[in-house]
Amino acid sequence: MPMHIIIIGFKCGMSILNEAIWHLYLIRLDSGHLYTGITTDVARRFGEHKNGKGAKFLRGREGLKLVYSNAIGDRSSALKIEAAVKKLPKQKKEALINGNFSIDELSAD
């Protein structure tokens, strides 16, 4: 999956500021646990997790399944939403995965 780039329409000296779009993603383990993370390239990051090069929590685990991803925008927003999702009970995370809950609703909680 290619990285998405937004070109912001102004120049800083001779360079143009490029900002990648950050994504929130959830991975389900065989045990049923859900891992939440952010990245600019979901396919690359999931591959790293599957190959034992990602988060320590997932190293050595098999049967990882990418069950959710959503484009968020800038890194700051992605970090805030990641923190909010990590605080959700598993039932709400499952609702997010199943499309019965939206990250847009997090600001209302």
N, C-alpha and C. Protein backbone atom coordinates (compact mmCIF):
# COMPACT_ATOMS: atom_id res chain seq x y z
N MET A 1 0.86 -1.17 0.00
CA MET A 1 0.00 0.00 0.00
C MET A 1 0.91 1.24 0.00
N PRO A 2 0.71 2.16 -0.94
CA PRO A 2 1.57 3.33 -1.01
C PRO A 2 1.28 4.31 0.12
N MET A 3 2.30 5.10 0.46
CA MET A 3 2.12 6.13 1.47
C MET A 3 1.39 7.30 0.83
N HIS A 4 0.41 7.85 1.53
CA HIS A 4 -0.34 9.00 1.05
C HIS A 4 0.39 10.27 1.47
N ILE A 5 0.54 11.19 0.53
CA ILE A 5 1.22 12.45 0.80
C ILE A 5 0.27 13.60 0.50
N ILE A 6 0.24 14.56 1.39
CA ILE A 6 -0.51 15.79 1.15
C ILE A 6 0.53 16.88 0.88
N ILE A 7 0.39 17.57 -0.22
CA ILE A 7 1.27 18.69 -0.51
C ILE A 7 0.57 19.95 -0.02
N ILE A 8 1.18 20.63 0.91
CA ILE A 8 0.63 21.86 1.43
C ILE A 8 1.10 22.99 0.51
N GLY A 9 0.18 23.84 0.09
CA GLY A 9 0.43 24.79 -0.98
C GLY A 9 1.21 26.03 -0.61
N PHE A 10 2.28 25.92 0.12
CA PHE A 10 3.16 27.07 0.33
C PHE A 10 4.59 26.58 0.41
N LYS A 11 5.51 27.48 0.13
CA LYS A 11 6.93 27.12 0.13
C LYS A 11 7.61 27.68 1.37
N CYS A 12 8.51 26.89 1.92
CA CYS A 12 9.34 27.33 3.04
C CYS A 12 10.74 27.50 2.47
N GLY A 13 11.07 28.72 2.06
CA GLY A 13 12.34 28.91 1.37
C GLY A 13 12.26 28.24 0.02
N MET A 14 13.16 27.29 -0.23
CA MET A 14 13.17 26.59 -1.51
C MET A 14 12.48 25.23 -1.44
N SER A 15 12.05 24.78 -0.25
CA SER A 15 11.44 23.45 -0.13
C SER A 15 9.95 23.54 0.11
N ILE A 16 9.24 22.53 -0.34
CA ILE A 16 7.81 22.43 -0.11
C ILE A 16 7.59 21.46 1.04
N LEU A 17 6.73 21.84 1.98
CA LEU A 17 6.46 21.01 3.14
C LEU A 17 5.52 19.87 2.76
N ASN A 18 5.96 18.63 2.95
CA ASN A 18 5.14 17.45 2.68
C ASN A 18 4.75 16.83 4.02
N GLU A 19 3.51 16.43 4.14
CA GLU A 19 3.07 15.80 5.38
C GLU A 19 2.32 14.52 5.05
N ALA A 20 2.79 13.42 5.60
CA ALA A 20 2.15 12.12 5.37
C ALA A 20 0.87 12.03 6.17
N ILE A 21 -0.06 11.24 5.68
CA ILE A 21 -1.31 10.99 6.40
C ILE A 21 -1.09 9.82 7.35
N TRP A 22 -1.46 10.03 8.60
CA TRP A 22 -1.31 9.00 9.63
C TRP A 22 -2.60 8.19 9.74
N HIS A 23 -2.44 6.90 10.02
CA HIS A 23 -3.56 5.97 10.14
C HIS A 23 -3.56 5.32 11.52
N LEU A 24 -4.74 5.07 12.03
CA LEU A 24 -4.93 4.26 13.23
C LEU A 24 -5.20 2.84 12.74
N TYR A 25 -4.64 1.84 13.43
CA TYR A 25 -4.91 0.46 13.04
C TYR A 25 -5.06 -0.41 14.29
N LEU A 26 -5.82 -1.50 14.15
CA LEU A 26 -5.97 -2.49 15.21
C LEU A 26 -5.62 -3.86 14.66
N ILE A 27 -4.86 -4.62 15.44
CA ILE A 27 -4.46 -5.98 15.10
C ILE A 27 -5.04 -6.91 16.15
N ARG A 28 -5.66 -8.00 15.68
CA ARG A 28 -6.18 -9.02 16.60
C ARG A 28 -5.17 -10.17 16.70
N LEU A 29 -4.89 -10.58 17.93
CA LEU A 29 -4.03 -11.72 18.18
C LEU A 29 -4.88 -12.98 18.28
N ASP A 30 -4.26 -14.14 18.13
CA ASP A 30 -4.98 -15.41 18.29
C ASP A 30 -5.68 -15.49 19.64
N SER A 31 -5.10 -14.87 20.65
CA SER A 31 -5.67 -14.90 22.00
C SER A 31 -6.93 -14.06 22.11
N GLY A 32 -7.19 -13.23 21.08
CA GLY A 32 -8.34 -12.34 21.12
C GLY A 32 -7.99 -10.92 21.53
N HIS A 33 -6.79 -10.72 22.07
CA HIS A 33 -6.35 -9.38 22.45
C HIS A 33 -6.30 -8.49 21.20
N LEU A 34 -6.48 -7.19 21.42
CA LEU A 34 -6.38 -6.23 20.34
C LEU A 34 -5.22 -5.29 20.61
N TYR A 35 -4.39 -5.08 19.59
CA TYR A 35 -3.26 -4.15 19.68
C TYR A 35 -3.63 -2.92 18.84
N THR A 36 -3.40 -1.74 19.37
CA THR A 36 -3.71 -0.48 18.69
C THR A 36 -2.42 0.27 18.39
N GLY A 37 -2.31 0.79 17.16
CA GLY A 37 -1.12 1.56 16.79
C GLY A 37 -1.44 2.60 15.74
N ILE A 38 -0.43 3.41 15.42
CA ILE A 38 -0.55 4.40 14.35
C ILE A 38 0.65 4.28 13.43
N THR A 39 0.47 4.67 12.18
CA THR A 39 1.54 4.62 11.19
C THR A 39 1.16 5.45 9.98
N THR A 40 2.13 5.73 9.13
CA THR A 40 1.84 6.38 7.85
C THR A 40 1.67 5.35 6.74
N ASP A 41 2.01 4.10 7.01
CA ASP A 41 1.91 3.04 6.00
C ASP A 41 1.46 1.75 6.69
N VAL A 42 0.17 1.49 6.65
CA VAL A 42 -0.40 0.36 7.39
C VAL A 42 0.16 -0.98 6.90
N ALA A 43 0.25 -1.18 5.59
CA ALA A 43 0.74 -2.46 5.06
C ALA A 43 2.18 -2.72 5.49
N ARG A 44 3.03 -1.70 5.40
CA ARG A 44 4.43 -1.85 5.82
C ARG A 44 4.51 -2.17 7.32
N ARG A 45 3.77 -1.43 8.13
CA ARG A 45 3.84 -1.62 9.58
C ARG A 45 3.29 -2.99 9.99
N PHE A 46 2.20 -3.42 9.35
CA PHE A 46 1.65 -4.74 9.67
C PHE A 46 2.67 -5.82 9.30
N GLY A 47 3.35 -5.65 8.17
CA GLY A 47 4.40 -6.59 7.78
C GLY A 47 5.52 -6.64 8.81
N GLU A 48 5.89 -5.48 9.34
CA GLU A 48 6.92 -5.44 10.38
C GLU A 48 6.45 -6.20 11.62
N HIS A 49 5.22 -6.01 12.01
CA HIS A 49 4.68 -6.74 13.17
C HIS A 49 4.71 -8.25 12.91
N LYS A 50 4.28 -8.66 11.73
CA LYS A 50 4.24 -10.09 11.41
C LYS A 50 5.64 -10.71 11.37
N ASN A 51 6.64 -9.89 11.03
CA ASN A 51 8.02 -10.38 10.94
C ASN A 51 8.80 -10.17 12.23
N GLY A 52 8.12 -9.80 13.31
CA GLY A 52 8.78 -9.66 14.61
C GLY A 52 9.61 -8.40 14.76
N LYS A 53 9.39 -7.41 13.90
CA LYS A 53 10.19 -6.19 13.95
C LYS A 53 9.40 -5.00 14.47
N GLY A 54 8.20 -5.24 14.95
CA GLY A 54 7.36 -4.16 15.45
C GLY A 54 7.41 -4.10 16.97
N ALA A 55 6.29 -3.79 17.55
CA ALA A 55 6.17 -3.63 19.00
C ALA A 55 6.54 -4.91 19.75
N LYS A 56 7.19 -4.75 20.88
CA LYS A 56 7.60 -5.90 21.69
C LYS A 56 6.41 -6.78 22.06
N PHE A 57 5.25 -6.15 22.31
CA PHE A 57 4.06 -6.89 22.70
C PHE A 57 3.68 -7.94 21.66
N LEU A 58 3.97 -7.69 20.39
CA LEU A 58 3.56 -8.59 19.32
C LEU A 58 4.67 -9.55 18.87
N ARG A 59 5.88 -9.33 19.32
CA ARG A 59 6.99 -10.18 18.87
C ARG A 59 6.79 -11.62 19.30
N GLY A 60 7.02 -12.52 18.35
CA GLY A 60 6.90 -13.94 18.62
C GLY A 60 5.47 -14.45 18.61
N ARG A 61 4.52 -13.57 18.36
CA ARG A 61 3.12 -13.99 18.32
C ARG A 61 2.75 -14.36 16.89
N GLU A 62 1.94 -15.40 16.76
CA GLU A 62 1.49 -15.81 15.43
C GLU A 62 0.00 -15.56 15.30
N GLY A 63 -0.48 -15.63 14.09
CA GLY A 63 -1.91 -15.46 13.85
C GLY A 63 -2.38 -14.02 13.97
N LEU A 64 -1.50 -13.06 13.69
CA LEU A 64 -1.89 -11.65 13.75
C LEU A 64 -2.81 -11.34 12.56
N LYS A 65 -3.87 -10.60 12.84
CA LYS A 65 -4.81 -10.21 11.79
C LYS A 65 -5.07 -8.72 11.88
N LEU A 66 -4.87 -8.02 10.78
CA LEU A 66 -5.20 -6.61 10.72
C LEU A 66 -6.72 -6.53 10.59
N VAL A 67 -7.39 -5.98 11.60
CA VAL A 67 -8.85 -5.98 11.61
C VAL A 67 -9.47 -4.60 11.42
N TYR A 68 -8.64 -3.55 11.48
CA TYR A 68 -9.19 -2.19 11.34
C TYR A 68 -8.07 -1.23 10.97
N SER A 69 -8.38 -0.31 10.06
CA SER A 69 -7.49 0.83 9.82
C SER A 69 -8.34 2.00 9.34
N ASN A 70 -7.88 3.20 9.68
CA ASN A 70 -8.63 4.40 9.33
C ASN A 70 -7.64 5.56 9.20
N ALA A 71 -7.73 6.30 8.10
CA ALA A 71 -6.89 7.48 7.92
C ALA A 71 -7.34 8.55 8.90
N ILE A 72 -6.38 9.13 9.62
CA ILE A 72 -6.69 10.14 10.64
C ILE A 72 -6.30 11.53 10.17
N GLY A 73 -5.10 11.68 9.67
CA GLY A 73 -4.60 13.00 9.27
C GLY A 73 -3.20 13.20 9.77
N ASP A 74 -2.98 14.24 10.56
CA ASP A 74 -1.63 14.54 11.04
C ASP A 74 -1.25 13.66 12.24
N ARG A 75 0.04 13.64 12.55
CA ARG A 75 0.55 12.78 13.61
C ARG A 75 -0.04 13.14 14.98
N SER A 76 -0.19 14.42 15.25
CA SER A 76 -0.72 14.85 16.53
C SER A 76 -2.14 14.32 16.74
N SER A 77 -2.98 14.44 15.73
CA SER A 77 -4.35 13.92 15.82
C SER A 77 -4.35 12.41 15.99
N ALA A 78 -3.48 11.73 15.24
CA ALA A 78 -3.40 10.27 15.32
C ALA A 78 -2.99 9.82 16.72
N LEU A 79 -2.03 10.51 17.32
CA LEU A 79 -1.59 10.16 18.68
C LEU A 79 -2.72 10.33 19.69
N LYS A 80 -3.48 11.40 19.55
CA LYS A 80 -4.61 11.65 20.46
C LYS A 80 -5.68 10.58 20.31
N ILE A 81 -6.00 10.23 19.07
CA ILE A 81 -7.04 9.22 18.84
C ILE A 81 -6.54 7.85 19.29
N GLU A 82 -5.27 7.55 19.04
CA GLU A 82 -4.70 6.28 19.50
C GLU A 82 -4.84 6.16 21.02
N ALA A 83 -4.50 7.20 21.74
CA ALA A 83 -4.60 7.18 23.20
C ALA A 83 -6.05 6.97 23.64
N ALA A 84 -6.98 7.63 22.96
CA ALA A 84 -8.40 7.49 23.31
C ALA A 84 -8.90 6.07 23.04
N VAL A 85 -8.48 5.49 21.91
CA VAL A 85 -8.92 4.13 21.57
C VAL A 85 -8.33 3.13 22.55
N LYS A 86 -7.07 3.32 22.95
CA LYS A 86 -6.45 2.41 23.92
C LYS A 86 -7.20 2.40 25.25
N LYS A 87 -7.86 3.50 25.58
CA LYS A 87 -8.62 3.59 26.83
C LYS A 87 -10.01 2.97 26.73
N LEU A 88 -10.47 2.70 25.51
CA LEU A 88 -11.81 2.15 25.34
C LEU A 88 -11.88 0.72 25.87
N PRO A 89 -13.04 0.33 26.39
CA PRO A 89 -13.21 -1.08 26.74
C PRO A 89 -13.22 -1.92 25.46
N LYS A 90 -12.91 -3.20 25.59
CA LYS A 90 -12.83 -4.07 24.42
C LYS A 90 -14.14 -4.06 23.63
N GLN A 91 -15.26 -3.99 24.30
CA GLN A 91 -16.56 -3.98 23.63
C GLN A 91 -16.67 -2.81 22.64
N LYS A 92 -16.18 -1.64 23.02
CA LYS A 92 -16.20 -0.47 22.13
C LYS A 92 -15.23 -0.66 20.97
N LYS A 93 -14.07 -1.26 21.25
CA LYS A 93 -13.12 -1.52 20.17
C LYS A 93 -13.71 -2.49 19.15
N GLU A 94 -14.42 -3.51 19.65
CA GLU A 94 -15.09 -4.46 18.74
C GLU A 94 -16.17 -3.74 17.92
N ALA A 95 -16.88 -2.81 18.54
CA ALA A 95 -17.89 -2.03 17.82
C ALA A 95 -17.22 -1.17 16.74
N LEU A 96 -16.06 -0.63 17.04
CA LEU A 96 -15.30 0.15 16.06
C LEU A 96 -14.93 -0.73 14.86
N ILE A 97 -14.43 -1.91 15.14
CA ILE A 97 -14.04 -2.87 14.10
C ILE A 97 -15.24 -3.26 13.24
N ASN A 98 -16.39 -3.46 13.88
CA ASN A 98 -17.60 -3.91 13.19
C ASN A 98 -18.38 -2.77 12.53
N GLY A 99 -17.90 -1.54 12.70
CA GLY A 99 -18.58 -0.40 12.08
C GLY A 99 -19.76 0.12 12.87
N ASN A 100 -19.90 -0.30 14.12
CA ASN A 100 -21.02 0.14 14.96
C ASN A 100 -20.63 1.28 15.90
N PHE A 101 -19.39 1.75 15.77
CA PHE A 101 -18.90 2.86 16.58
C PHE A 101 -17.88 3.59 15.71
N SER A 102 -17.86 4.88 15.78
CA SER A 102 -16.97 5.68 14.96
C SER A 102 -15.97 6.44 15.83
N ILE A 103 -14.76 6.60 15.32
CA ILE A 103 -13.80 7.39 16.07
C ILE A 103 -14.25 8.83 16.20
N ASP A 104 -15.17 9.27 15.34
CA ASP A 104 -15.73 10.61 15.45
C ASP A 104 -16.50 10.77 16.76
N GLU A 105 -16.99 9.67 17.31
CA GLU A 105 -17.75 9.69 18.55
C GLU A 105 -16.86 9.84 19.79
N LEU A 106 -15.55 9.69 19.62
CA LEU A 106 -14.64 9.75 20.77
C LEU A 106 -14.66 11.11 21.44
N SER A 107 -14.81 12.16 20.67
CA SER A 107 -14.83 13.49 21.26
C SER A 107 -16.11 13.72 22.08
N ALA A 108 -17.16 12.94 21.79
CA ALA A 108 -18.42 13.05 22.53
C ALA A 108 -18.36 12.30 23.84
N ASP A 109 -17.43 11.33 23.98
CA ASP A 109 -17.33 10.53 25.22
C ASP A 109 -16.65 11.28 26.33
